Amino acid sequence: MPAGHIYTLKVETAIATAITALQLEAGATTPFEILSVMVTQDSSIVSAAAIVALRRKSVGATVTAASIGGATGEIFKHREGDPNPDLQLATDGTGFTATVEGTETDEPWFKGFNVLNGVDKVWLPDERIFVEAAGIIGLKFTTAPATHDWQMAITIKELG
């Protein structure tokens, strides 16, 4: 298994439309693989269905650019002392809550779930979704979910 640094992009935000909720753009020379995805909410006790998908993009969505660490950051290192990730932190790169969708090319994973349970997907090593250097992938609600305060996270391992 290739060695690499592990990072998590995590956000809590209200979402009520079918949009890209989290987006990651790999560094220019640093691919990554997705280790896990988590989506849940804490503002409803009413059962409802939602669907999320990972979608690769040839053009990134317009998002709020993520920042690294600290009390208000969205990207976290799993080991102290690791370097900052090579992810492209920009409004068309790594960030959250799209305002304009990019161009989607394929959908390597999707999952329907009950909002009371959420979804927590951890891939086995041979199943991990690979994102090439400078590639873009987003976690998207494919249909409009009920308005909730959603907590979402994608954990990756950079392979460079």
N, C-alpha and C. Protein backbone atom coordinates (compact mmCIF):
# COMPACT_ATOMS: atom_id res chain seq x y z
N MET A 1 0.85 -1.16 0.00
CA MET A 1 0.00 0.00 0.00
C MET A 1 0.90 1.24 0.00
N PRO A 2 0.66 2.21 -0.90
CA PRO A 2 1.51 3.38 -0.96
C PRO A 2 1.41 4.21 0.32
N ALA A 3 2.54 4.77 0.75
CA ALA A 3 2.54 5.67 1.90
C ALA A 3 2.02 7.03 1.45
N GLY A 4 1.50 7.78 2.38
CA GLY A 4 1.02 9.11 2.05
C GLY A 4 0.46 9.79 3.28
N HIS A 5 0.21 11.07 3.15
CA HIS A 5 -0.36 11.84 4.24
C HIS A 5 -1.88 11.81 4.14
N ILE A 6 -2.54 11.80 5.31
CA ILE A 6 -4.00 11.68 5.36
C ILE A 6 -4.60 13.00 5.84
N TYR A 7 -5.66 13.43 5.14
CA TYR A 7 -6.34 14.69 5.44
C TYR A 7 -7.85 14.47 5.38
N THR A 8 -8.58 15.28 6.14
CA THR A 8 -10.04 15.26 6.09
C THR A 8 -10.55 16.65 5.80
N LEU A 9 -11.43 16.74 4.80
CA LEU A 9 -12.20 17.95 4.53
C LEU A 9 -13.54 17.75 5.21
N LYS A 10 -13.86 18.60 6.20
CA LYS A 10 -15.13 18.44 6.90
C LYS A 10 -15.80 19.79 7.08
N VAL A 11 -17.14 19.76 6.95
CA VAL A 11 -17.92 20.99 6.99
C VAL A 11 -19.27 20.70 7.62
N GLU A 12 -19.80 21.69 8.32
CA GLU A 12 -21.20 21.65 8.76
C GLU A 12 -21.88 22.87 8.16
N THR A 13 -22.95 22.64 7.41
CA THR A 13 -23.65 23.73 6.75
C THR A 13 -25.07 23.32 6.41
N ALA A 14 -25.95 24.29 6.25
CA ALA A 14 -27.33 24.02 5.85
C ALA A 14 -27.38 23.83 4.33
N ILE A 15 -28.05 22.77 3.90
CA ILE A 15 -28.21 22.50 2.47
C ILE A 15 -29.65 22.05 2.24
N ALA A 16 -30.27 22.62 1.20
CA ALA A 16 -31.65 22.26 0.87
C ALA A 16 -31.85 22.12 -0.64
N THR A 17 -30.75 22.08 -1.40
CA THR A 17 -30.85 21.94 -2.85
C THR A 17 -29.91 20.85 -3.33
N ALA A 18 -30.12 20.40 -4.55
CA ALA A 18 -29.24 19.40 -5.15
C ALA A 18 -27.98 20.11 -5.61
N ILE A 19 -26.93 20.09 -4.77
CA ILE A 19 -25.68 20.79 -5.08
C ILE A 19 -24.48 19.96 -4.66
N THR A 20 -23.31 20.38 -5.17
CA THR A 20 -22.06 19.83 -4.68
C THR A 20 -21.82 20.41 -3.30
N ALA A 21 -21.74 19.54 -2.30
CA ALA A 21 -21.57 19.97 -0.92
C ALA A 21 -20.10 20.09 -0.55
N LEU A 22 -19.27 19.16 -1.01
CA LEU A 22 -17.82 19.17 -0.78
C LEU A 22 -17.13 18.91 -2.11
N GLN A 23 -16.02 19.57 -2.34
CA GLN A 23 -15.27 19.36 -3.57
C GLN A 23 -13.78 19.35 -3.25
N LEU A 24 -13.05 18.45 -3.88
CA LEU A 24 -11.61 18.34 -3.72
C LEU A 24 -10.93 18.40 -5.07
N GLU A 25 -9.88 19.23 -5.18
CA GLU A 25 -9.06 19.25 -6.38
C GLU A 25 -7.65 18.86 -5.98
N ALA A 26 -7.16 17.79 -6.58
CA ALA A 26 -5.82 17.29 -6.28
C ALA A 26 -4.76 18.30 -6.70
N GLY A 27 -3.61 18.21 -6.05
CA GLY A 27 -2.48 19.05 -6.43
C GLY A 27 -2.03 18.73 -7.85
N ALA A 28 -1.29 19.65 -8.44
CA ALA A 28 -0.88 19.52 -9.85
C ALA A 28 -0.10 18.25 -10.12
N THR A 29 0.64 17.76 -9.12
CA THR A 29 1.44 16.54 -9.32
C THR A 29 1.15 15.48 -8.25
N THR A 30 0.08 15.66 -7.48
CA THR A 30 -0.17 14.78 -6.35
C THR A 30 -1.59 14.18 -6.42
N PRO A 31 -1.71 12.95 -6.89
CA PRO A 31 -3.03 12.30 -6.86
C PRO A 31 -3.40 11.92 -5.43
N PHE A 32 -4.65 11.51 -5.25
CA PHE A 32 -5.07 11.01 -3.94
C PHE A 32 -6.10 9.92 -4.13
N GLU A 33 -6.33 9.18 -3.05
CA GLU A 33 -7.42 8.20 -3.04
C GLU A 33 -8.34 8.55 -1.88
N ILE A 34 -9.61 8.25 -2.07
CA ILE A 34 -10.62 8.53 -1.04
C ILE A 34 -10.70 7.34 -0.10
N LEU A 35 -10.50 7.62 1.18
CA LEU A 35 -10.56 6.57 2.21
C LEU A 35 -11.98 6.41 2.75
N SER A 36 -12.68 7.55 2.96
CA SER A 36 -14.02 7.46 3.53
C SER A 36 -14.83 8.71 3.22
N VAL A 37 -16.15 8.55 3.33
CA VAL A 37 -17.11 9.64 3.17
C VAL A 37 -18.14 9.51 4.28
N MET A 38 -18.51 10.65 4.89
CA MET A 38 -19.52 10.66 5.94
C MET A 38 -20.48 11.81 5.68
N VAL A 39 -21.78 11.53 5.83
CA VAL A 39 -22.81 12.56 5.75
C VAL A 39 -23.84 12.26 6.83
N THR A 40 -24.18 13.26 7.63
CA THR A 40 -25.21 13.11 8.65
C THR A 40 -25.81 14.48 8.94
N GLN A 41 -26.83 14.51 9.78
CA GLN A 41 -27.45 15.78 10.16
C GLN A 41 -27.87 15.71 11.62
N ASP A 42 -28.06 16.88 12.23
CA ASP A 42 -28.46 16.89 13.64
C ASP A 42 -29.63 17.82 13.93
N SER A 43 -30.40 18.13 12.88
CA SER A 43 -31.47 19.11 13.09
C SER A 43 -32.87 18.56 12.84
N SER A 44 -33.01 17.26 12.61
CA SER A 44 -34.33 16.70 12.34
C SER A 44 -34.50 15.36 13.05
N ILE A 45 -35.74 15.12 13.48
CA ILE A 45 -36.09 13.81 14.02
C ILE A 45 -37.12 13.13 13.13
N VAL A 46 -37.27 13.65 11.91
CA VAL A 46 -38.24 13.13 10.95
C VAL A 46 -37.52 12.29 9.89
N SER A 47 -38.01 11.10 9.68
CA SER A 47 -37.43 10.21 8.68
C SER A 47 -37.65 10.77 7.28
N ALA A 48 -36.58 10.77 6.47
CA ALA A 48 -36.66 11.21 5.07
C ALA A 48 -35.49 10.58 4.32
N ALA A 49 -35.67 10.45 3.01
CA ALA A 49 -34.61 9.88 2.18
C ALA A 49 -33.76 10.98 1.57
N ALA A 50 -32.49 10.67 1.35
CA ALA A 50 -31.56 11.56 0.64
C ALA A 50 -30.62 10.69 -0.18
N ILE A 51 -30.02 11.28 -1.20
CA ILE A 51 -29.06 10.57 -2.04
C ILE A 51 -27.84 11.46 -2.23
N VAL A 52 -26.66 10.88 -2.01
CA VAL A 52 -25.41 11.58 -2.29
C VAL A 52 -24.60 10.74 -3.28
N ALA A 53 -23.72 11.41 -4.00
CA ALA A 53 -22.86 10.74 -4.97
C ALA A 53 -21.51 11.42 -5.02
N LEU A 54 -20.49 10.66 -5.37
CA LEU A 54 -19.20 11.23 -5.71
C LEU A 54 -19.15 11.36 -7.22
N ARG A 55 -18.90 12.58 -7.69
CA ARG A 55 -18.87 12.83 -9.13
C ARG A 55 -17.56 13.51 -9.51
N ARG A 56 -16.89 12.90 -10.48
CA ARG A 56 -15.69 13.52 -11.03
C ARG A 56 -16.11 14.69 -11.90
N LYS A 57 -15.23 15.68 -12.01
CA LYS A 57 -15.55 16.88 -12.78
C LYS A 57 -14.38 17.27 -13.68
N SER A 58 -14.69 17.73 -14.88
CA SER A 58 -13.65 18.28 -15.74
C SER A 58 -13.49 19.77 -15.50
N VAL A 59 -14.52 20.41 -14.96
CA VAL A 59 -14.49 21.80 -14.53
C VAL A 59 -15.11 21.84 -13.15
N GLY A 60 -14.39 22.42 -12.20
CA GLY A 60 -14.88 22.45 -10.83
C GLY A 60 -16.07 23.36 -10.64
N ALA A 61 -16.89 23.03 -9.65
CA ALA A 61 -17.98 23.90 -9.25
C ALA A 61 -17.40 25.14 -8.59
N THR A 62 -18.17 26.22 -8.54
CA THR A 62 -17.78 27.41 -7.78
C THR A 62 -18.18 27.16 -6.34
N VAL A 63 -17.18 27.12 -5.44
CA VAL A 63 -17.40 26.78 -4.05
C VAL A 63 -16.77 27.84 -3.14
N THR A 64 -17.10 27.75 -1.85
CA THR A 64 -16.37 28.54 -0.85
C THR A 64 -15.05 27.81 -0.61
N ALA A 65 -13.94 28.48 -0.85
CA ALA A 65 -12.63 27.84 -0.72
C ALA A 65 -12.39 27.39 0.71
N ALA A 66 -11.86 26.19 0.87
CA ALA A 66 -11.55 25.64 2.19
C ALA A 66 -10.25 26.23 2.71
N SER A 67 -10.11 26.19 4.03
CA SER A 67 -8.87 26.61 4.67
C SER A 67 -8.35 25.45 5.53
N ILE A 68 -7.09 25.56 5.94
CA ILE A 68 -6.45 24.45 6.64
C ILE A 68 -6.42 24.72 8.14
N GLY A 69 -6.94 23.75 8.91
CA GLY A 69 -6.80 23.71 10.36
C GLY A 69 -7.38 24.88 11.12
N GLY A 70 -7.03 24.91 12.40
CA GLY A 70 -7.51 25.97 13.28
C GLY A 70 -8.97 25.80 13.64
N ALA A 71 -9.48 26.73 14.41
CA ALA A 71 -10.86 26.65 14.89
C ALA A 71 -11.88 26.81 13.77
N THR A 72 -11.52 27.52 12.71
CA THR A 72 -12.48 27.77 11.64
C THR A 72 -12.11 27.06 10.34
N GLY A 73 -11.07 26.26 10.34
CA GLY A 73 -10.64 25.58 9.12
C GLY A 73 -11.54 24.41 8.78
N GLU A 74 -11.40 23.93 7.56
CA GLU A 74 -12.18 22.81 7.09
C GLU A 74 -11.33 21.60 6.72
N ILE A 75 -10.01 21.78 6.56
CA ILE A 75 -9.12 20.68 6.20
C ILE A 75 -8.22 20.39 7.38
N PHE A 76 -8.18 19.11 7.79
CA PHE A 76 -7.42 18.75 8.97
C PHE A 76 -6.42 17.64 8.66
N LYS A 77 -5.24 17.77 9.23
CA LYS A 77 -4.19 16.76 9.13
C LYS A 77 -4.48 15.67 10.15
N HIS A 78 -4.21 14.43 9.81
CA HIS A 78 -4.41 13.33 10.75
C HIS A 78 -3.21 13.12 11.66
N ARG A 79 -2.06 13.65 11.28
CA ARG A 79 -0.87 13.53 12.10
C ARG A 79 -0.22 14.92 12.24
N GLU A 80 0.00 15.33 13.49
CA GLU A 80 0.70 16.60 13.72
C GLU A 80 2.07 16.53 13.05
N GLY A 81 2.49 17.62 12.50
CA GLY A 81 3.80 17.67 11.86
C GLY A 81 3.77 17.33 10.39
N ASP A 82 2.66 16.78 9.89
CA ASP A 82 2.56 16.52 8.45
C ASP A 82 2.54 17.85 7.70
N PRO A 83 2.99 17.85 6.47
CA PRO A 83 2.93 19.08 5.67
C PRO A 83 1.47 19.41 5.32
N ASN A 84 1.26 20.64 4.90
CA ASN A 84 -0.07 20.99 4.39
C ASN A 84 -0.34 20.16 3.14
N PRO A 85 -1.62 19.87 2.87
CA PRO A 85 -1.93 19.07 1.68
C PRO A 85 -1.61 19.84 0.40
N ASP A 86 -1.43 19.09 -0.68
CA ASP A 86 -1.20 19.70 -1.99
C ASP A 86 -2.50 20.06 -2.69
N LEU A 87 -3.64 19.84 -2.03
CA LEU A 87 -4.93 20.18 -2.61
C LEU A 87 -4.95 21.64 -3.07
N GLN A 88 -5.65 21.89 -4.17
CA GLN A 88 -5.79 23.25 -4.68
C GLN A 88 -6.92 23.94 -3.93
N LEU A 89 -6.58 24.89 -3.06
CA LEU A 89 -7.58 25.61 -2.27
C LEU A 89 -7.99 26.86 -3.05
N ALA A 90 -9.17 26.79 -3.67
CA ALA A 90 -9.63 27.89 -4.52
C ALA A 90 -11.13 27.78 -4.69
N THR A 91 -11.74 28.86 -5.20
CA THR A 91 -13.19 28.85 -5.39
C THR A 91 -13.64 27.93 -6.51
N ASP A 92 -12.71 27.42 -7.32
CA ASP A 92 -13.06 26.40 -8.30
C ASP A 92 -12.30 25.10 -8.02
N GLY A 93 -11.75 25.00 -6.79
CA GLY A 93 -10.98 23.82 -6.40
C GLY A 93 -11.54 23.18 -5.15
N THR A 94 -10.72 23.09 -4.09
CA THR A 94 -11.14 22.43 -2.86
C THR A 94 -11.95 23.39 -2.01
N GLY A 95 -13.18 22.98 -1.70
CA GLY A 95 -14.05 23.83 -0.91
C GLY A 95 -15.38 23.16 -0.65
N PHE A 96 -16.39 23.99 -0.37
CA PHE A 96 -17.69 23.46 0.04
C PHE A 96 -18.83 24.36 -0.42
N THR A 97 -20.02 23.80 -0.48
CA THR A 97 -21.28 24.48 -0.79
C THR A 97 -21.21 25.24 -2.11
N ALA A 98 -21.40 24.52 -3.19
CA ALA A 98 -21.34 25.12 -4.53
C ALA A 98 -22.46 26.14 -4.73
N THR A 99 -22.12 27.20 -5.45
CA THR A 99 -23.13 28.17 -5.90
C THR A 99 -23.40 28.02 -7.39
N VAL A 100 -22.41 27.50 -8.12
CA VAL A 100 -22.54 27.19 -9.54
C VAL A 100 -21.89 25.84 -9.76
N GLU A 101 -22.59 24.92 -10.42
CA GLU A 101 -22.03 23.60 -10.67
C GLU A 101 -21.02 23.63 -11.80
N GLY A 102 -20.04 22.74 -11.72
CA GLY A 102 -19.06 22.58 -12.79
C GLY A 102 -19.56 21.57 -13.81
N THR A 103 -18.62 20.97 -14.53
CA THR A 103 -18.95 19.97 -15.54
C THR A 103 -18.62 18.59 -15.00
N GLU A 104 -19.65 17.77 -14.83
CA GLU A 104 -19.47 16.43 -14.26
C GLU A 104 -19.20 15.43 -15.37
N THR A 105 -18.28 14.49 -15.08
CA THR A 105 -17.88 13.53 -16.12
C THR A 105 -18.29 12.10 -15.80
N ASP A 106 -18.25 11.68 -14.54
CA ASP A 106 -18.72 10.34 -14.19
C ASP A 106 -19.02 10.27 -12.70
N GLU A 107 -19.63 9.16 -12.31
CA GLU A 107 -20.11 8.99 -10.94
C GLU A 107 -19.65 7.63 -10.42
N PRO A 108 -18.48 7.58 -9.75
CA PRO A 108 -17.97 6.28 -9.29
C PRO A 108 -18.69 5.71 -8.07
N TRP A 109 -19.52 6.52 -7.38
CA TRP A 109 -20.20 6.01 -6.19
C TRP A 109 -21.44 6.85 -5.89
N PHE A 110 -22.51 6.18 -5.44
CA PHE A 110 -23.68 6.90 -4.93
C PHE A 110 -24.32 6.06 -3.84
N LYS A 111 -25.13 6.73 -3.00
CA LYS A 111 -25.76 6.03 -1.89
C LYS A 111 -27.02 6.77 -1.47
N GLY A 112 -28.13 6.02 -1.42
CA GLY A 112 -29.36 6.54 -0.82
C GLY A 112 -29.34 6.19 0.66
N PHE A 113 -29.89 7.06 1.49
CA PHE A 113 -29.86 6.82 2.93
C PHE A 113 -30.99 7.55 3.62
N ASN A 114 -31.30 7.13 4.84
CA ASN A 114 -32.27 7.81 5.67
C ASN A 114 -31.54 8.89 6.46
N VAL A 115 -32.07 10.11 6.48
CA VAL A 115 -31.37 11.21 7.13
C VAL A 115 -31.21 10.99 8.63
N LEU A 116 -32.03 10.14 9.23
CA LEU A 116 -31.87 9.84 10.66
C LEU A 116 -30.64 8.99 10.92
N ASN A 117 -30.22 8.22 9.92
CA ASN A 117 -29.06 7.35 10.07
C ASN A 117 -27.78 7.94 9.49
N GLY A 118 -27.91 8.75 8.46
CA GLY A 118 -26.74 9.24 7.76
C GLY A 118 -26.08 8.14 6.96
N VAL A 119 -24.93 8.43 6.42
CA VAL A 119 -24.17 7.44 5.67
C VAL A 119 -22.69 7.60 6.04
N ASP A 120 -22.03 6.48 6.22
CA ASP A 120 -20.61 6.46 6.56
C ASP A 120 -19.98 5.34 5.75
N LYS A 121 -19.27 5.69 4.70
CA LYS A 121 -18.68 4.72 3.80
C LYS A 121 -17.16 4.71 3.97
N VAL A 122 -16.62 3.54 4.27
CA VAL A 122 -15.17 3.35 4.36
C VAL A 122 -14.79 2.30 3.32
N TRP A 123 -13.94 2.68 2.38
CA TRP A 123 -13.56 1.77 1.32
C TRP A 123 -12.42 0.85 1.75
N LEU A 124 -12.50 -0.40 1.31
CA LEU A 124 -11.38 -1.32 1.44
C LEU A 124 -10.25 -0.81 0.54
N PRO A 125 -9.00 -1.14 0.84
CA PRO A 125 -7.89 -0.60 0.04
C PRO A 125 -8.03 -0.81 -1.47
N ASP A 126 -8.46 -1.97 -1.91
CA ASP A 126 -8.57 -2.22 -3.35
C ASP A 126 -9.77 -1.54 -4.00
N GLU A 127 -10.68 -1.00 -3.19
CA GLU A 127 -11.89 -0.36 -3.71
C GLU A 127 -11.80 1.17 -3.74
N ARG A 128 -10.76 1.73 -3.17
CA ARG A 128 -10.69 3.18 -3.00
C ARG A 128 -10.75 3.90 -4.34
N ILE A 129 -11.47 5.00 -4.33
CA ILE A 129 -11.63 5.80 -5.54
C ILE A 129 -10.38 6.67 -5.71
N PHE A 130 -9.77 6.56 -6.87
CA PHE A 130 -8.53 7.27 -7.19
C PHE A 130 -8.87 8.57 -7.91
N VAL A 131 -8.21 9.64 -7.51
CA VAL A 131 -8.34 10.94 -8.19
C VAL A 131 -6.95 11.33 -8.68
N GLU A 132 -6.82 11.47 -9.98
CA GLU A 132 -5.52 11.76 -10.59
C GLU A 132 -5.03 13.16 -10.20
N ALA A 133 -3.73 13.39 -10.40
CA ALA A 133 -3.17 14.72 -10.17
C ALA A 133 -3.97 15.76 -10.94
N ALA A 134 -4.29 16.86 -10.30
CA ALA A 134 -5.10 17.95 -10.85
C ALA A 134 -6.54 17.55 -11.12
N GLY A 135 -6.95 16.35 -10.71
CA GLY A 135 -8.34 15.91 -10.88
C GLY A 135 -9.24 16.53 -9.84
N ILE A 136 -10.54 16.57 -10.17
CA ILE A 136 -11.54 17.16 -9.29
C ILE A 136 -12.65 16.15 -9.05
N ILE A 137 -13.09 16.06 -7.79
CA ILE A 137 -14.21 15.20 -7.44
C ILE A 137 -15.05 15.92 -6.39
N GLY A 138 -16.36 15.72 -6.46
CA GLY A 138 -17.24 16.37 -5.51
C GLY A 138 -18.24 15.40 -4.90
N LEU A 139 -18.62 15.68 -3.66
CA LEU A 139 -19.71 14.97 -2.99
C LEU A 139 -20.95 15.81 -3.20
N LYS A 140 -21.94 15.23 -3.87
CA LYS A 140 -23.11 15.99 -4.29
C LYS A 140 -24.39 15.36 -3.81
N PHE A 141 -25.32 16.18 -3.34
CA PHE A 141 -26.69 15.74 -3.14
C PHE A 141 -27.32 15.72 -4.53
N THR A 142 -27.71 14.53 -5.00
CA THR A 142 -28.21 14.42 -6.38
C THR A 142 -29.66 14.86 -6.51
N THR A 143 -30.38 14.86 -5.40
CA THR A 143 -31.73 15.42 -5.35
C THR A 143 -31.76 16.36 -4.15
N ALA A 144 -32.67 17.30 -4.16
CA ALA A 144 -32.74 18.28 -3.06
C ALA A 144 -33.14 17.58 -1.76
N PRO A 145 -32.27 17.64 -0.75
CA PRO A 145 -32.64 17.05 0.55
C PRO A 145 -33.51 18.03 1.33
N ALA A 146 -34.17 17.54 2.36
CA ALA A 146 -34.86 18.44 3.27
C ALA A 146 -33.81 19.33 3.93
N THR A 147 -34.21 20.56 4.26
CA THR A 147 -33.28 21.49 4.88
C THR A 147 -32.84 20.99 6.24
N HIS A 148 -31.55 20.77 6.38
CA HIS A 148 -30.96 20.34 7.65
C HIS A 148 -29.60 21.00 7.80
N ASP A 149 -29.08 20.96 9.01
CA ASP A 149 -27.68 21.30 9.24
C ASP A 149 -26.90 20.02 9.00
N TRP A 150 -26.26 19.93 7.84
CA TRP A 150 -25.56 18.72 7.43
C TRP A 150 -24.10 18.76 7.89
N GLN A 151 -23.63 17.64 8.43
CA GLN A 151 -22.21 17.46 8.70
C GLN A 151 -21.68 16.48 7.67
N MET A 152 -20.61 16.88 6.98
CA MET A 152 -20.08 16.06 5.90
C MET A 152 -18.56 16.01 5.99
N ALA A 153 -17.98 14.90 5.59
CA ALA A 153 -16.53 14.77 5.61
C ALA A 153 -16.07 13.81 4.52
N ILE A 154 -14.93 14.11 3.94
CA ILE A 154 -14.24 13.20 3.02
C ILE A 154 -12.81 13.10 3.53
N THR A 155 -12.35 11.87 3.75
CA THR A 155 -10.97 11.63 4.18
C THR A 155 -10.20 11.06 3.00
N ILE A 156 -9.04 11.62 2.75
CA ILE A 156 -8.21 11.21 1.61
C ILE A 156 -6.80 10.88 2.05
N LYS A 157 -6.10 10.15 1.19
CA LYS A 157 -4.66 9.92 1.37
C LYS A 157 -3.98 10.42 0.09
N GLU A 158 -3.11 11.45 0.25
CA GLU A 158 -2.33 11.92 -0.90
C GLU A 158 -1.24 10.91 -1.20
N LEU A 159 -0.99 10.69 -2.47
CA LEU A 159 -0.06 9.64 -2.90
C LEU A 159 1.21 10.19 -3.51
N GLY A 160 1.60 11.38 -3.12
CA GLY A 160 2.80 11.97 -3.71
C GLY A 160 3.87 12.22 -2.68
